[in-house]
Amino acid sequence: MASYDIVTRELKQPIDVAEYLYRRLYEVGIRSVHGVPGDYNLVSLDYIPKCGLEWVGNCNELNAGYAADGYARVNGIAALVTTFGVGELSALNAIAGAYSEYVPIVHIVGQPSTIAQRDGRLLHHTLGNGDFNVFVDMSAGISCSVARLNNPYEAATLIDNAIRECWIRSRPVYIALPMDIVQGKVEGERLKTPIDLTRPPNDPEKEEYVVDVVLKYLHRAKNPIILVDACAIRHHVLQEVHDLVEASGLPTFVAPMGKGAVDETHRNYGGVYAGDGSNEGVREIVESSDLILSIGAIKSDFNTAGFTYRIGQLSTIDFHSTYVRVRYSEYPDIDMKGVLRKVVQGIGKLNTSPVPQITNAVPQKEQNSTVTSITHAWLWPTVGQWLREKDIIITETGTANFGIWETRFPKGVTALSQVLWGSIGYSVGACQGAALAAKERNNRRTILFVGDGSFQFTVQEMSTILRRGLKPIIFVICNNGYTIERYIHGWEESYNDIQPWRFIDVPSTFGAKKAEYKTYQVKTRDELKTLFKDEEFSSAPCLQLVELYMPQEDAPAALKTTAAAAKRSNAKA
């Protein structure tokens, strides 16, 4: 008798590997699985409904990856299923973006059988050279953990470890599931014990020392501030951040990637700091501070408006998930969550200056009542007045990504953007994933601002949005092409132009019935204000698409600053 048969008989509660995997995904909060079917993953897909999950079924793997990214940012974690070779490679751009921006996605790849791999068979979707490891190796560099389920004996342990790493490190993991392992047996008794998703505790003595050092500098400072960025969101310290803002009473700002991390209605909230891309009042307060509590910073070029931060390390304390840096002294293997919690507990009364007030003045030219065209300087503050509590707002790489810096959010708004990776077209897929997660979570309103050029990259996901009965409000900014690229290089060049589309025809083209969608064309400020006042529109009763016309030459001030810095950098390369 084969040794595997003996082990199976010894299991208290035998369960198929695929069922074990999907039940673990359900356990950590995933309710929908994105992806595209392929012959190497089909049998495993049969287990999805059995485990209480919904199969989304995207139009292609790249869009599925973007959608999983959007779903994870709202839900906390996501799952993506692709097939070997052709499918997984199509998704890699999206997975790389998730890796760079700390987004947890469990990427499951259906593979040929272990026997076929062992024998090096000349199978379809391979390179024809018998190498079945090449694609796993490609993904290894953009995954924080790789689990090759080549043996049922260890499959459950590998699955649990991969999901745990995905959650704790907030990055994608890769799970290879060969066809002949799908129905292999593992111990189902393990499912009675949830995966431990807690981070390892800090060394108590080391943590206390770091807290004492932080508090020492904090109590010495005269005008400290708090600056919050994306990793505060990704590594689950928003409650600690909120408590720190309350306990300290310090002026609080966010970096562009940190939009939504702080309650922007709070009395201490001052705005977005991005170096030269900041409001003048924000920049003055941040850059004159003698101590900056920087939480979860990602100091990329777009996130700092072209590396124009003017804050020195000598006046900065950096909090991260794996270390804390106090001025030039770094303390490794320290998780910021525990440190922040103890800083809040021990902060006491600070000897600081009163919180300064920041006035966001409207540029003089925008006060001209004869201007009717929709400009970025006018649009984004106006959007802030229309948004509602707990909205989800997604902005595409380009004008929208930079314009949203000037939007003041109501309480509880979640902002999605891809500032670091910056893959054009990301937002349409992310909108589908975010809207689906919102539907699962009390149907929060989902709003997308995307450029006309970016929309053409991934427009197929409109089909998935309709198929799943999702109801986002989509604003397509019609300004004749790639505005951000024009500002970097080639203002008049044809490579920055696009073929004009009738965007309002897209829903019907994808088969939507009249009751399933509404479309609008908006070309003036008065038309947009009227639309915003329309309660039926604002209640998001169905998919709604708005063609929003803006001048080709117009762009947010922060984009112009960042593009100019990128242009200078490119010229030096």
Protein backbone atom coordinates (compact mmCIF):
# COMPACT_ATOMS: atom_id res chain seq x y z
CA MET A 1 0.00 0.00 0.00
CA ALA A 2 1.29 3.47 -0.90
CA SER A 3 2.53 5.55 2.01
CA TYR A 4 0.13 8.34 1.02
CA ASP A 5 -2.86 5.97 1.44
CA ILE A 6 -1.64 5.05 4.92
CA VAL A 7 -1.34 8.70 5.93
CA THR A 8 -4.82 9.43 4.55
CA ARG A 9 -6.32 6.66 6.66
CA GLU A 10 -4.68 8.14 9.74
CA LEU A 11 -6.30 11.55 9.24
CA LYS A 12 -9.08 12.29 11.72
CA GLN A 13 -11.04 14.44 9.30
CA PRO A 14 -9.70 14.14 5.73
CA ILE A 15 -10.38 17.16 3.55
CA ASP A 16 -9.27 18.00 0.01
CA VAL A 17 -6.37 20.43 -0.34
CA ALA A 18 -8.40 22.87 -2.46
CA GLU A 19 -11.26 22.90 0.04
CA TYR A 20 -8.82 23.48 2.89
CA LEU A 21 -7.27 26.40 1.01
CA TYR A 22 -10.57 28.11 0.20
CA ARG A 23 -11.95 27.60 3.70
CA ARG A 24 -8.85 29.33 5.07
CA LEU A 25 -9.47 32.22 2.68
CA TYR A 26 -13.03 32.51 3.96
CA GLU A 27 -11.73 32.43 7.53
CA VAL A 28 -9.56 35.53 7.01
CA GLY A 29 -12.46 37.54 5.60
CA ILE A 30 -12.36 36.93 1.86
CA ARG A 31 -15.80 36.45 0.32
CA SER A 32 -15.09 36.83 -3.41
CA VAL A 33 -12.30 35.35 -5.51
CA HIS A 34 -11.04 37.21 -8.58
CA GLY A 35 -9.45 35.57 -11.57
CA VAL A 36 -9.80 33.89 -14.95
CA PRO A 37 -10.45 30.17 -15.52
CA GLY A 38 -7.87 28.02 -17.28
CA ASP A 39 -7.50 24.29 -17.74
CA TYR A 40 -4.92 23.93 -14.96
CA ASN A 41 -7.15 25.60 -12.34
CA LEU A 42 -10.65 24.45 -13.36
CA VAL A 43 -11.03 21.56 -10.91
CA SER A 44 -9.98 23.77 -8.00
CA LEU A 45 -12.59 26.37 -8.97
CA ASP A 46 -15.33 23.81 -8.30
CA TYR A 47 -14.59 24.12 -4.58
CA ILE A 48 -15.21 27.89 -4.38
CA PRO A 49 -19.02 27.91 -3.88
CA LYS A 50 -18.78 24.92 -1.53
CA CYS A 51 -16.62 27.06 0.76
CA GLY A 52 -19.02 30.02 0.86
CA LEU A 53 -17.08 32.08 -1.67
CA GLU A 54 -18.20 33.82 -4.86
CA TRP A 55 -16.30 33.49 -8.13
CA VAL A 56 -16.00 36.92 -9.79
CA GLY A 57 -14.70 35.96 -13.23
CA ASN A 58 -12.79 38.89 -14.74
CA CYS A 59 -12.22 39.76 -18.38
CA ASN A 60 -8.47 39.16 -18.22
CA GLU A 61 -5.84 38.40 -15.62
CA LEU A 62 -4.33 41.89 -15.49
CA ASN A 63 -7.70 43.39 -14.67
CA ALA A 64 -8.32 40.59 -12.17
CA GLY A 65 -5.08 41.53 -10.40
CA TYR A 66 -6.05 45.20 -10.27
CA ALA A 67 -9.49 44.21 -8.98
CA ALA A 68 -7.98 42.01 -6.27
CA ASP A 69 -5.81 44.97 -5.28
CA GLY A 70 -8.86 47.23 -4.94
CA TYR A 71 -10.77 44.54 -3.06
CA ALA A 72 -7.88 44.05 -0.63
CA ARG A 73 -7.56 47.77 0.12
CA VAL A 74 -11.20 47.88 1.20
CA ASN A 75 -11.62 44.37 2.62
CA GLY A 76 -8.17 43.89 4.13
CA ILE A 77 -7.02 40.94 1.99
CA ALA A 78 -7.93 39.41 -1.39
CA ALA A 79 -7.53 36.26 -3.47
CA LEU A 80 -6.64 35.85 -7.14
CA VAL A 81 -6.69 32.63 -9.17
CA THR A 82 -4.89 32.28 -12.51
CA THR A 83 -3.63 29.44 -14.64
CA PHE A 84 -0.04 28.36 -15.21
CA GLY A 85 2.15 30.46 -17.50
CA VAL A 86 -0.09 32.52 -19.73
CA GLY A 87 -2.50 33.46 -16.95
CA GLU A 88 -0.10 34.19 -14.13
CA LEU A 89 2.24 36.22 -16.33
CA SER A 90 -0.65 38.43 -17.45
CA ALA A 91 -1.31 39.25 -13.80
CA LEU A 92 2.26 40.04 -12.79
CA ASN A 93 2.05 43.79 -13.43
CA ALA A 94 -0.83 44.01 -10.97
CA ILE A 95 0.93 41.78 -8.44
CA ALA A 96 4.09 43.88 -8.68
CA GLY A 97 2.01 46.97 -7.95
CA ALA A 98 0.47 45.28 -4.93
CA TYR A 99 3.92 44.28 -3.71
CA SER A 100 5.35 47.79 -4.05
CA GLU A 101 2.37 49.37 -2.28
CA TYR A 102 1.98 46.74 0.48
CA VAL A 103 -1.35 45.24 -0.61
CA PRO A 104 -2.08 41.65 0.58
CA ILE A 105 -3.20 39.32 -2.24
CA VAL A 106 -3.16 35.53 -2.11
CA HIS A 107 -2.24 34.58 -5.71
CA ILE A 108 -3.18 30.95 -6.43
CA VAL A 109 -1.81 29.45 -9.63
CA GLY A 110 -3.18 26.21 -11.07
CA GLN A 111 -0.26 24.14 -12.34
CA PRO A 112 0.24 20.94 -14.39
CA SER A 113 0.44 17.77 -12.33
CA THR A 114 3.55 17.01 -10.30
CA ILE A 115 4.12 13.96 -12.52
CA ALA A 116 4.10 16.10 -15.68
CA GLN A 117 6.50 18.53 -14.04
CA ARG A 118 8.80 15.77 -12.82
CA ASP A 119 8.96 14.24 -16.31
CA GLY A 120 9.49 17.62 -18.01
CA ARG A 121 6.64 17.00 -20.46
CA LEU A 122 6.20 19.30 -23.45
CA LEU A 123 2.91 20.85 -22.38
CA HIS A 124 0.98 23.88 -23.59
CA HIS A 125 1.55 27.13 -21.66
CA THR A 126 5.19 26.13 -21.11
CA LEU A 127 8.35 27.46 -22.73
CA GLY A 128 8.86 24.09 -24.33
CA ASN A 129 12.08 23.43 -22.42
CA GLY A 130 10.78 21.28 -19.57
CA ASP A 131 11.38 24.01 -16.98
CA PHE A 132 8.32 24.26 -14.75
CA ASN A 133 9.97 26.50 -12.16
CA VAL A 134 10.64 29.52 -14.36
CA PHE A 135 7.31 31.25 -13.70
CA VAL A 136 7.40 30.58 -9.95
CA ASP A 137 10.86 32.11 -9.89
CA MET A 138 9.55 35.19 -11.71
CA SER A 139 6.88 35.67 -9.05
CA ALA A 140 9.23 35.05 -6.14
CA GLY A 141 10.69 38.54 -6.38
CA ILE A 142 7.26 40.18 -6.03
CA SER A 143 5.88 37.85 -3.36
CA CYS A 144 6.73 37.84 0.33
CA SER A 145 6.18 34.06 0.48
CA VAL A 146 6.02 31.23 -2.05
CA ALA A 147 4.19 27.98 -1.25
CA ARG A 148 4.64 25.06 -3.67
CA LEU A 149 1.98 22.53 -2.80
CA ASN A 150 3.77 19.57 -4.36
CA ASN A 151 3.00 17.20 -1.51
CA PRO A 152 -0.30 16.83 0.42
CA TYR A 153 1.62 15.97 3.59
CA GLU A 154 2.84 19.53 4.00
CA ALA A 155 0.16 21.42 2.03
CA ALA A 156 -1.89 22.58 5.04
CA THR A 157 1.17 23.96 6.82
CA LEU A 158 2.34 25.77 3.69
CA ILE A 159 -1.12 27.26 3.10
CA ASP A 160 -1.44 28.53 6.66
CA ASN A 161 2.04 30.02 6.60
CA ALA A 162 1.46 31.78 3.25
CA ILE A 163 -1.81 33.35 4.36
CA ARG A 164 -0.25 34.45 7.64
CA GLU A 165 2.69 36.04 5.85
CA CYS A 166 0.33 37.75 3.40
CA TRP A 167 -1.61 39.36 6.24
CA ILE A 168 1.26 40.24 8.58
CA ARG A 169 3.63 41.58 5.92
CA SER A 170 0.79 43.06 3.86
CA ARG A 171 2.16 41.87 0.54
CA PRO A 172 1.23 39.28 -2.10
CA VAL A 173 2.00 35.59 -1.66
CA TYR A 174 2.18 32.92 -4.36
CA ILE A 175 0.57 29.50 -3.93
CA ALA A 176 1.29 26.89 -6.62
CA LEU A 177 -1.48 24.26 -6.78
CA PRO A 178 -0.73 21.35 -9.15
CA MET A 179 -3.74 19.57 -10.63
CA ASP A 180 -3.05 16.23 -8.93
CA ILE A 181 -2.78 17.91 -5.51
CA VAL A 182 -6.20 19.59 -5.67
CA GLN A 183 -7.97 16.49 -4.36
CA GLY A 184 -5.15 15.30 -2.13
CA LYS A 185 -6.13 14.87 1.51
CA VAL A 186 -5.05 16.99 4.47
CA GLU A 187 -6.12 17.10 8.10
CA GLY A 188 -9.42 19.00 8.33
CA GLU A 189 -9.15 19.15 12.13
CA ARG A 190 -6.69 22.01 11.64
CA LEU A 191 -9.54 24.27 10.52
CA LYS A 192 -10.86 24.32 14.07
CA THR A 193 -7.81 26.42 15.02
CA PRO A 194 -7.76 29.79 13.23
CA ILE A 195 -4.55 30.99 11.64
CA ASP A 196 -2.68 33.24 14.06
CA LEU A 197 -2.61 36.63 12.32
CA THR A 198 -1.04 38.54 15.18
CA ARG A 199 2.43 39.97 14.73
CA PRO A 200 5.15 38.60 17.01
CA PRO A 201 5.36 40.85 20.08
CA ASN A 202 8.28 43.20 20.43
CA ASP A 203 11.00 42.39 22.91
CA PRO A 204 9.54 44.13 26.04
CA GLU A 205 12.83 45.64 27.22
CA LYS A 206 13.74 46.91 23.76
CA GLU A 207 10.24 48.31 23.21
CA GLU A 208 10.28 50.18 26.52
CA TYR A 209 13.65 51.68 25.68
CA VAL A 210 12.47 52.90 22.26
CA VAL A 211 9.29 54.35 23.79
CA ASP A 212 11.36 56.23 26.39
CA VAL A 213 13.59 57.66 23.64
CA VAL A 214 10.59 58.77 21.58
CA LEU A 215 8.91 60.41 24.58
CA LYS A 216 12.14 62.17 25.55
CA TYR A 217 12.41 63.91 22.18
CA LEU A 218 8.67 64.54 22.04
CA HIS A 219 8.65 66.36 25.37
CA ARG A 220 11.68 68.43 24.39
CA ALA A 221 10.10 69.60 21.12
CA LYS A 222 8.42 73.00 20.85
CA ASN A 223 6.41 72.52 17.67
CA PRO A 224 6.19 68.81 16.77
CA ILE A 225 3.77 67.51 14.13
CA ILE A 226 2.44 64.12 12.99
CA LEU A 227 2.82 63.02 9.35
CA VAL A 228 0.92 59.86 8.34
CA ASP A 229 1.56 57.79 5.20
CA ALA A 230 0.38 54.64 3.44
CA CYS A 231 2.04 52.01 5.62
CA ALA A 232 0.02 53.20 8.61
CA ILE A 233 -3.00 51.95 6.66
CA ARG A 234 -1.41 48.77 5.33
CA HIS A 235 0.02 47.66 8.67
CA HIS A 236 -3.15 48.22 10.69
CA VAL A 237 -2.13 51.04 13.05
CA LEU A 238 -4.90 53.53 12.25
CA GLN A 239 -6.44 53.15 15.70
CA GLU A 240 -3.08 53.91 17.30
CA VAL A 241 -2.67 56.91 14.98
CA HIS A 242 -6.11 58.21 15.90
CA ASP A 243 -5.36 57.80 19.60
CA LEU A 244 -2.02 59.59 19.19
CA VAL A 245 -3.69 62.52 17.43
CA GLU A 246 -6.24 62.76 20.25
CA ALA A 247 -3.80 62.32 23.12
CA SER A 248 -1.12 64.66 21.77
CA GLY A 249 -3.28 67.37 20.23
CA LEU A 250 -0.56 67.84 17.60
CA PRO A 251 -1.08 69.23 14.09
CA THR A 252 -1.55 66.22 11.84
CA PHE A 253 -0.87 65.88 8.12
CA VAL A 254 -0.89 63.08 5.57
CA ALA A 255 1.32 62.28 2.60
CA PRO A 256 -0.52 61.71 -0.71
CA MET A 257 -0.43 57.93 -0.30
CA GLY A 258 -1.77 58.38 3.23
CA LYS A 259 -5.00 60.12 2.16
CA GLY A 260 -7.85 58.66 4.18
CA ALA A 261 -5.64 57.50 7.04
CA VAL A 262 -6.71 60.39 9.27
CA ASP A 263 -10.13 61.83 10.01
CA GLU A 264 -9.98 64.98 7.88
CA THR A 265 -12.80 66.59 9.86
CA HIS A 266 -10.67 66.45 13.02
CA ARG A 267 -9.71 69.79 14.50
CA ASN A 268 -6.00 68.89 14.31
CA TYR A 269 -5.98 67.87 10.64
CA GLY A 270 -4.02 70.27 8.46
CA GLY A 271 -3.90 68.77 4.97
CA VAL A 272 -1.57 66.95 2.56
CA TYR A 273 2.19 67.44 2.79
CA ALA A 274 4.12 66.68 -0.38
CA GLY A 275 7.03 69.08 -0.43
CA ASP A 276 6.64 71.67 -3.16
CA GLY A 277 3.28 70.15 -4.08
CA SER A 278 1.78 71.22 -0.75
CA ASN A 279 -0.47 74.08 0.19
CA GLU A 280 1.78 76.96 1.27
CA GLY A 281 0.43 76.96 4.82
CA VAL A 282 0.93 73.20 5.17
CA ARG A 283 4.46 73.38 3.86
CA GLU A 284 5.41 76.17 6.25
CA ILE A 285 4.15 74.34 9.34
CA VAL A 286 5.67 70.96 8.45
CA GLU A 287 9.04 72.24 7.32
CA SER A 288 9.45 74.54 10.33
CA SER A 289 8.66 71.75 12.79
CA ASP A 290 11.45 70.73 15.15
CA LEU A 291 10.13 67.14 15.42
CA ILE A 292 8.17 65.14 12.88
CA LEU A 293 6.52 61.90 13.96
CA SER A 294 6.53 60.17 10.58
CA ILE A 295 4.29 57.10 10.59
CA GLY A 296 4.51 54.57 7.74
CA ALA A 297 6.34 56.77 5.25
CA ILE A 298 6.95 55.82 1.60
CA LYS A 299 9.16 58.61 0.27
CA SER A 300 8.81 57.95 -3.46
CA ASP A 301 9.11 60.62 -6.15
CA PHE A 302 5.38 61.08 -6.79
CA ASN A 303 4.56 60.85 -3.09
CA THR A 304 7.00 63.69 -2.35
CA ALA A 305 6.26 65.81 -5.47
CA GLY A 306 9.60 64.98 -7.05
CA PHE A 307 11.68 64.45 -3.87
CA THR A 308 10.95 68.00 -2.69
CA TYR A 309 10.51 67.10 0.99
CA ARG A 310 12.39 69.62 3.12
CA ILE A 311 12.42 67.76 6.41
CA GLY A 312 15.70 66.50 7.79
CA GLN A 313 16.34 63.17 9.47
CA LEU A 314 17.75 65.03 12.49
CA SER A 315 14.23 66.25 13.27
CA THR A 316 12.37 63.05 12.34
CA ILE A 317 11.22 59.92 14.13
CA ASP A 318 10.21 57.20 11.64
CA PHE A 319 7.75 54.48 12.68
CA HIS A 320 7.55 51.36 10.51
CA SER A 321 6.38 47.77 10.76
CA THR A 322 9.91 46.37 11.17
CA TYR A 323 11.89 49.21 12.73
CA VAL A 324 11.79 52.60 14.43
CA ARG A 325 14.37 55.25 13.53
CA VAL A 326 14.90 58.13 15.97
CA ARG A 327 16.91 60.80 14.19
CA TYR A 328 19.95 58.80 12.98
CA SER A 329 19.59 55.91 15.43
CA GLU A 330 17.75 52.89 14.04
CA TYR A 331 16.12 50.20 16.20
CA PRO A 332 15.50 47.09 14.06
CA ASP A 333 12.98 44.33 14.71
CA ILE A 334 10.54 46.69 16.41
CA ASP A 335 6.92 46.86 15.23
CA MET A 336 5.48 50.38 15.38
CA LYS A 337 2.08 49.19 16.62
CA GLY A 338 3.25 48.36 20.13
CA VAL A 339 5.51 51.42 20.31
CA LEU A 340 2.75 53.81 19.24
CA ARG A 341 0.34 52.31 21.75
CA LYS A 342 2.78 52.84 24.63
CA VAL A 343 3.68 56.33 23.42
CA VAL A 344 -0.02 57.21 23.64
CA GLN A 345 -0.23 55.75 27.13
CA GLY A 346 2.80 57.65 28.38
CA ILE A 347 2.54 60.92 26.50
CA GLY A 348 1.09 63.10 29.27
CA LYS A 349 0.97 66.84 28.66
CA LEU A 350 3.28 68.25 26.00
CA ASN A 351 5.01 71.63 26.20
CA THR A 352 4.07 72.68 22.67
CA SER A 353 2.80 75.70 20.80
CA PRO A 354 -0.93 76.06 19.99
CA VAL A 355 -2.14 74.23 16.88
CA PRO A 356 -1.87 76.70 13.99
CA GLN A 357 -4.82 77.26 11.68
CA ILE A 358 -4.37 76.61 7.97
CA THR A 359 -6.40 78.53 5.44
CA ASN A 360 -6.87 76.95 2.04
CA ALA A 361 -7.39 80.09 -0.01
CA VAL A 362 -8.98 79.80 -3.45
CA PRO A 363 -6.59 81.09 -6.14
CA GLN A 364 -7.55 84.56 -7.28
CA LYS A 365 -8.13 83.54 -10.87
CA GLU A 366 -10.67 80.92 -9.74
CA GLN A 367 -12.80 83.61 -8.11
CA ASN A 368 -13.65 85.01 -11.55
CA SER A 369 -17.37 84.35 -11.94
CA THR A 370 -17.10 84.39 -15.76
CA VAL A 371 -15.09 81.16 -15.83
CA THR A 372 -17.41 78.33 -16.89
CA SER A 373 -14.98 75.54 -17.81
CA ILE A 374 -14.20 72.89 -15.20
CA THR A 375 -10.62 73.32 -13.99
CA HIS A 376 -8.73 71.18 -11.54
CA ALA A 377 -8.30 74.05 -9.09
CA TRP A 378 -12.09 74.34 -8.94
CA LEU A 379 -13.04 70.67 -9.29
CA TRP A 380 -11.30 68.96 -6.40
CA PRO A 381 -12.42 71.24 -3.53
CA THR A 382 -15.93 71.03 -5.04
CA VAL A 383 -15.78 67.22 -5.00
CA GLY A 384 -14.96 67.39 -1.30
CA GLN A 385 -18.23 69.21 -0.65
CA TRP A 386 -20.18 66.49 -2.50
CA LEU A 387 -18.55 63.44 -0.89
CA ARG A 388 -20.30 61.65 1.96
CA GLU A 389 -19.08 59.85 5.05
CA LYS A 390 -17.61 56.39 4.40
CA ASP A 391 -17.38 56.89 0.65
CA ILE A 392 -14.72 54.97 -1.27
CA ILE A 393 -12.97 57.19 -3.80
CA ILE A 394 -10.53 55.86 -6.40
CA THR A 395 -8.27 58.11 -8.45
CA GLU A 396 -6.26 57.11 -11.50
CA THR A 397 -2.57 57.78 -12.06
CA GLY A 398 -2.40 61.23 -13.62
CA THR A 399 -4.46 64.36 -13.01
CA ALA A 400 -6.93 62.68 -10.64
CA ASN A 401 -4.18 61.20 -8.47
CA PHE A 402 -2.70 64.64 -7.88
CA GLY A 403 -5.95 66.57 -7.83
CA ILE A 404 -7.37 64.56 -4.92
CA TRP A 405 -4.72 66.14 -2.69
CA GLU A 406 -6.92 69.26 -2.64
CA THR A 407 -10.09 67.41 -1.64
CA ARG A 408 -11.08 67.56 2.02
CA PHE A 409 -12.71 64.24 2.94
CA PRO A 410 -15.73 63.71 5.19
CA LYS A 411 -15.26 61.27 8.07
CA GLY A 412 -14.50 57.64 7.22
CA VAL A 413 -13.66 58.07 3.54
CA THR A 414 -11.39 55.40 2.04
CA ALA A 415 -9.06 56.61 -0.72
CA LEU A 416 -7.50 54.28 -3.30
CA SER A 417 -4.70 55.36 -5.61
CA GLN A 418 -1.52 53.82 -6.95
CA VAL A 419 0.97 56.63 -6.40
CA LEU A 420 4.14 54.53 -6.20
CA TRP A 421 3.62 51.85 -8.87
CA GLY A 422 1.56 54.16 -11.08
CA SER A 423 0.29 51.66 -13.65
CA ILE A 424 -2.07 53.45 -16.04
CA GLY A 425 -5.47 51.75 -16.09
CA TYR A 426 -5.15 50.40 -12.56
CA SER A 427 -8.13 52.32 -11.23
CA VAL A 428 -10.82 50.74 -13.41
CA GLY A 429 -10.04 47.23 -12.22
CA ALA A 430 -9.51 48.50 -8.68
CA CYS A 431 -12.94 50.14 -8.86
CA GLN A 432 -14.56 46.79 -9.60
CA GLY A 433 -12.79 45.13 -6.67
CA ALA A 434 -13.48 48.01 -4.30
CA ALA A 435 -17.14 48.23 -5.30
CA LEU A 436 -17.53 44.50 -4.72
CA ALA A 437 -15.94 44.74 -1.26
CA ALA A 438 -18.19 47.74 -0.55
CA LYS A 439 -21.25 45.73 -1.56
CA GLU A 440 -20.23 43.03 0.89
CA ARG A 441 -19.73 45.70 3.57
CA ASN A 442 -23.05 47.55 3.81
CA ASN A 443 -22.96 48.89 0.25
CA ARG A 444 -20.73 51.93 0.67
CA ARG A 445 -20.75 54.38 -2.23
CA THR A 446 -17.85 53.84 -4.66
CA ILE A 447 -16.60 56.69 -6.84
CA LEU A 448 -13.94 56.63 -9.56
CA PHE A 449 -12.14 59.50 -11.29
CA VAL A 450 -10.19 58.25 -14.31
CA GLY A 451 -8.64 59.92 -17.34
CA ASP A 452 -9.88 59.16 -20.84
CA GLY A 453 -6.55 57.60 -21.83
CA SER A 454 -6.32 55.45 -18.71
CA PHE A 455 -9.92 54.27 -19.11
CA GLN A 456 -9.09 52.81 -22.51
CA PHE A 457 -6.47 50.52 -20.97
CA THR A 458 -8.84 48.46 -18.84
CA VAL A 459 -12.34 49.34 -20.02
CA GLN A 460 -13.28 45.62 -20.15
CA GLU A 461 -13.83 45.66 -16.38
CA MET A 462 -16.97 47.69 -17.00
CA SER A 463 -18.35 44.37 -18.21
CA THR A 464 -17.50 42.70 -14.89
CA ILE A 465 -19.02 45.63 -12.98
CA LEU A 466 -22.28 45.15 -14.87
CA ARG A 467 -22.19 41.37 -14.54
CA ARG A 468 -21.79 41.55 -10.77
CA GLY A 469 -24.52 44.20 -10.39
CA LEU A 470 -22.14 46.81 -8.95
CA LYS A 471 -23.10 50.50 -8.84
CA PRO A 472 -20.05 52.77 -8.85
CA ILE A 473 -20.16 56.38 -10.03
CA ILE A 474 -17.48 56.76 -12.70
CA PHE A 475 -16.20 60.14 -13.85
CA VAL A 476 -14.17 59.89 -17.07
CA ILE A 477 -12.04 63.03 -17.36
CA CYS A 478 -12.12 63.89 -21.07
CA ASN A 479 -9.07 65.99 -21.89
CA ASN A 480 -7.73 64.39 -25.07
CA GLY A 481 -5.08 61.97 -23.90
CA TYR A 482 -2.21 61.50 -21.49
CA THR A 483 -1.94 64.79 -19.61
CA ILE A 484 0.70 63.69 -17.12
CA GLU A 485 2.89 62.44 -19.96
CA ARG A 486 2.44 65.72 -21.84
CA TYR A 487 3.73 67.65 -18.84
CA ILE A 488 6.78 65.38 -18.58
CA HIS A 489 7.62 65.33 -22.29
CA GLY A 490 6.04 65.65 -25.74
CA TRP A 491 3.28 68.22 -25.29
CA GLU A 492 2.32 68.23 -28.98
CA GLU A 493 3.53 64.73 -29.86
CA SER A 494 1.05 62.21 -31.26
CA TYR A 495 2.13 59.49 -28.83
CA ASN A 496 0.31 61.37 -26.07
CA ASP A 497 -2.92 61.51 -28.09
CA ILE A 498 -5.74 58.96 -28.03
CA GLN A 499 -8.65 58.03 -30.27
CA PRO A 500 -11.72 59.88 -28.94
CA TRP A 501 -14.40 57.50 -27.64
CA ARG A 502 -18.08 57.91 -26.92
CA PHE A 503 -17.67 56.86 -23.31
CA ILE A 504 -21.37 57.18 -22.57
CA ASP A 505 -21.94 54.30 -25.01
CA VAL A 506 -19.65 51.91 -23.13
CA PRO A 507 -22.28 50.42 -20.78
CA SER A 508 -24.70 49.61 -23.63
CA THR A 509 -21.82 48.23 -25.70
CA PHE A 510 -21.15 45.75 -22.90
CA GLY A 511 -24.78 44.67 -22.89
CA ALA A 512 -26.24 46.76 -20.07
CA LYS A 513 -30.02 47.12 -20.04
CA LYS A 514 -31.49 50.62 -19.75
CA ALA A 515 -32.46 50.17 -16.12
CA GLU A 516 -28.93 49.08 -15.19
CA TYR A 517 -27.07 52.31 -15.92
CA LYS A 518 -27.23 56.05 -16.51
CA THR A 519 -24.83 58.30 -18.39
CA TYR A 520 -24.19 62.03 -18.35
CA GLN A 521 -22.12 64.62 -20.21
CA VAL A 522 -20.85 67.53 -18.13
CA LYS A 523 -18.97 70.44 -19.72
CA THR A 524 -19.50 73.39 -17.36
CA ARG A 525 -19.30 74.12 -13.66
CA ASP A 526 -23.01 74.82 -13.44
CA GLU A 527 -23.81 71.46 -15.03
CA LEU A 528 -21.61 69.64 -12.51
CA LYS A 529 -23.07 71.56 -9.57
CA THR A 530 -26.56 70.67 -10.79
CA LEU A 531 -25.56 67.01 -11.07
CA PHE A 532 -24.10 67.01 -7.56
CA LYS A 533 -27.35 68.45 -6.22
CA ASP A 534 -29.38 65.68 -7.89
CA GLU A 535 -30.24 63.32 -5.02
CA GLU A 536 -31.07 60.42 -7.33
CA PHE A 537 -27.63 60.67 -8.95
CA SER A 538 -25.89 61.01 -5.59
CA SER A 539 -27.72 58.02 -4.13
CA ALA A 540 -25.96 55.76 -6.68
CA PRO A 541 -28.99 53.63 -7.65
CA CYS A 542 -27.15 51.97 -10.55
CA LEU A 543 -23.91 52.15 -12.50
CA GLN A 544 -23.45 55.79 -13.54
CA LEU A 545 -20.87 57.11 -15.99
CA VAL A 546 -20.12 60.81 -16.39
CA GLU A 547 -18.14 62.28 -19.26
CA LEU A 548 -16.42 65.17 -17.47
CA TYR A 549 -14.85 67.59 -19.95
CA MET A 550 -11.79 69.59 -18.92
CA PRO A 551 -9.28 71.73 -20.87
CA GLN A 552 -6.38 69.72 -22.29
CA GLU A 553 -3.80 72.17 -20.97
CA ASP A 554 -5.14 72.18 -17.40
CA ALA A 555 -3.67 70.10 -14.57
CA PRO A 556 -3.40 70.22 -10.76
CA ALA A 557 -0.54 72.36 -9.49
CA ALA A 558 0.99 69.36 -7.70
CA LEU A 559 1.12 67.40 -10.96
CA LYS A 560 2.91 70.27 -12.71
CA THR A 561 5.48 70.42 -9.90
CA THR A 562 6.07 66.66 -9.91
CA ALA A 563 6.16 66.37 -13.70
CA ALA A 564 8.73 69.16 -13.88
CA ALA A 565 10.89 67.30 -11.35
CA ALA A 566 10.52 64.06 -13.34
CA LYS A 567 11.46 65.90 -16.52
CA ARG A 568 14.62 67.25 -14.90
CA SER A 569 15.47 63.82 -13.51
CA ASN A 570 14.94 62.13 -16.89
CA ALA A 571 17.17 64.70 -18.57
CA LYS A 572 20.02 63.85 -16.17
CA ALA A 573 19.69 60.11 -16.70
